[in-house]
C-alpha atoms as a PDB file:
ATOM      1  CA  MET A   1      72.707 122.275  96.836  1.00  0.00           C
ATOM      2  CA  SER A   2      70.399 119.814  98.357  1.00  0.00           C
ATOM      3  CA  LEU A   3      66.758 120.566  99.009  1.00  0.00           C
ATOM      4  CA  GLU A   4      67.306 120.235 102.751  1.00  0.00           C
ATOM      5  CA  LEU A   5      70.113 122.803 102.675  1.00  0.00           C
ATOM      6  CA  LEU A   6      67.944 125.201 100.656  1.00  0.00           C
ATOM      7  CA  SER A   7      65.105 124.798 103.159  1.00  0.00           C
ATOM      8  CA  THR A   8      67.455 125.523 106.039  1.00  0.00           C
ATOM      9  CA  LEU A   9      68.825 128.571 104.251  1.00  0.00           C
ATOM     10  CA  GLU A  10      65.303 129.792 103.476  1.00  0.00           C
ATOM     11  CA  ALA A  11      64.293 129.390 107.132  1.00  0.00           C
ATOM     12  CA  LYS A  12      67.353 131.317 108.286  1.00  0.00           C
ATOM     13  CA  ILE A  13      66.644 134.094 105.783  1.00  0.00           C
ATOM     14  CA  GLN A  14      63.011 134.239 106.905  1.00  0.00           C
ATOM     15  CA  THR A  15      64.068 134.423 110.556  1.00  0.00           C
ATOM     16  CA  THR A  16      66.557 137.153 109.729  1.00  0.00           C
ATOM     17  CA  LEU A  17      63.915 139.162 107.862  1.00  0.00           C
ATOM     18  CA  GLU A  18      61.461 138.827 110.747  1.00  0.00           C
ATOM     19  CA  THR A  19      64.142 139.923 113.193  1.00  0.00           C
ATOM     20  CA  MET A  20      64.954 142.917 111.013  1.00  0.00           C
ATOM     21  CA  GLU A  21      61.277 143.883 110.841  1.00  0.00           C
ATOM     22  CA  LEU A  22      60.963 143.661 114.618  1.00  0.00           C
ATOM     23  CA  LEU A  23      64.095 145.731 115.073  1.00  0.00           C
ATOM     24  CA  ASN A  24      62.776 148.342 112.637  1.00  0.00           C
ATOM     25  CA  LEU A  25      59.541 148.520 114.632  1.00  0.00           C
ATOM     26  CA  GLU A  26      61.527 148.965 117.830  1.00  0.00           C
ATOM     27  CA  VAL A  27      63.594 151.715 116.203  1.00  0.00           C
ATOM     28  CA  GLU A  28      60.412 153.533 115.144  1.00  0.00           C
ATOM     29  CA  GLU A  29      58.993 153.210 118.663  1.00  0.00           C
ATOM     30  CA  GLU A  30      62.208 154.598 120.121  1.00  0.00           C
ATOM     31  CA  LYS A  31      62.148 157.487 117.640  1.00  0.00           C
ATOM     32  CA  GLN A  32      58.601 158.328 118.711  1.00  0.00           C
ATOM     33  CA  ARG A  33      59.525 158.045 122.375  1.00  0.00           C
ATOM     34  CA  ASN A  34      62.572 160.242 121.770  1.00  0.00           C
ATOM     35  CA  GLU A  35      60.435 162.858 120.023  1.00  0.00           C
ATOM     36  CA  ALA A  36      57.937 162.853 122.895  1.00  0.00           C
ATOM     37  CA  LEU A  37      60.760 163.225 125.410  1.00  0.00           C
ATOM     38  CA  GLN A  38      62.256 166.087 123.413  1.00  0.00           C
ATOM     39  CA  GLN A  39      58.895 167.864 123.396  1.00  0.00           C
ATOM     40  CA  GLU A  40      58.547 167.320 127.136  1.00  0.00           C
ATOM     41  CA  ASN A  41      62.098 168.570 127.652  1.00  0.00           C
ATOM     42  CA  ASN A  42      61.376 171.714 125.623  1.00  0.00           C
ATOM     43  CA  ALA A  43      58.192 172.347 127.602  1.00  0.00           C
ATOM     44  CA  LEU A  44      60.095 171.936 130.872  1.00  0.00           C
ATOM     45  CA  LYS A  45      62.813 174.312 129.672  1.00  0.00           C
ATOM     46  CA  GLU A  46      60.179 176.916 128.813  1.00  0.00           C
ATOM     47  CA  GLU A  47      58.498 176.461 132.191  1.00  0.00           C
ATOM     48  CA  ASN A  48      61.858 176.711 133.930  1.00  0.00           C
ATOM     49  CA  ALA A  49      62.668 179.959 132.118  1.00  0.00           C
ATOM     50  CA  GLN A  50      59.275 181.376 133.059  1.00  0.00           C
ATOM     51  CA  LEU A  51      59.698 180.376 136.707  1.00  0.00           C
ATOM     52  CA  GLN A  52      63.173 181.892 136.815  1.00  0.00           C
ATOM     53  CA  ALA A  53      61.811 185.142 135.393  1.00  0.00           C
ATOM     54  CA  GLU A  54      59.030 185.152 137.989  1.00  0.00           C
ATOM     55  CA  ARG A  55      61.529 184.458 140.750  1.00  0.00           C
ATOM     56  CA  GLN A  56      63.703 187.327 139.542  1.00  0.00           C
ATOM     57  CA  THR A  57      60.672 189.635 139.503  1.00  0.00           C
ATOM     58  CA  TRP A  58      59.795 188.679 143.068  1.00  0.00           C
ATOM     59  CA  ASN A  59      63.405 189.042 144.127  1.00  0.00           C
ATOM     60  CA  ASP A  60      63.511 192.553 142.644  1.00  0.00           C
ATOM     61  CA  LYS A  61      60.293 193.461 144.472  1.00  0.00           C
ATOM     62  CA  ILE A  62      61.671 192.168 147.774  1.00  0.00           C
ATOM     63  CA  VAL A  63      64.925 194.067 147.324  1.00  0.00           C
ATOM     64  CA  GLY A  64      62.908 197.207 146.575  1.00  0.00           C
ATOM     65  CA  LEU A  65      60.798 196.747 149.708  1.00  0.00           C
ATOM     66  CA  VAL A  66      63.861 196.124 151.860  1.00  0.00           C
ATOM     67  CA  ASP A  67      65.436 199.296 150.470  1.00  0.00           C
ATOM     68  CA  LEU A  68      62.255 201.238 151.282  1.00  0.00           C
ATOM     69  CA  LEU A  69      62.289 199.874 154.827  1.00  0.00           C
ATOM     70  CA  ARG A  70      65.928 200.867 155.225  1.00  0.00           C
ATOM     71  CA  GLU A  71      65.213 204.368 153.916  1.00  0.00           C
ATOM     72  CA  ASP A  72      62.233 204.701 156.244  1.00  0.00           C
ATOM     73  CA  ASN A  73      64.276 203.413 159.174  1.00  0.00           C
ATOM     74  CA  THR A  74      67.121 205.821 158.357  1.00  0.00           C
ATOM     75  CA  GLN A  75      64.704 208.768 158.092  1.00  0.00           C
ATOM     76  CA  ASN A  76      63.081 207.858 161.405  1.00  0.00           C
ATOM     77  CA  GLN A  77      66.450 207.645 163.135  1.00  0.00           C
ATOM     78  CA  THR A  78      67.668 210.981 161.758  1.00  0.00           C
ATOM     79  CA  GLY A  79      64.326 212.679 162.392  1.00  0.00           C
ATOM     80  CA  GLU A  80      64.158 211.728 166.048  1.00  0.00           C
END
């Protein structure tokens, strides 16, 4: 092989190695971003579950109050 061909090959190898290093850095950044998004997703799921439980509690209270109003209304109508 000629010296010029070896130099060209060395340059291509160096470029390939640099590209691989950059891609590895990008992969690591994406892994970190993915982990952060997973944590955020888990936090949102927990918050959603809590809000749904609170909504159900309020819904149960409202149903109970409506039932009390109906009972009171029924008693007033039969007591008149």
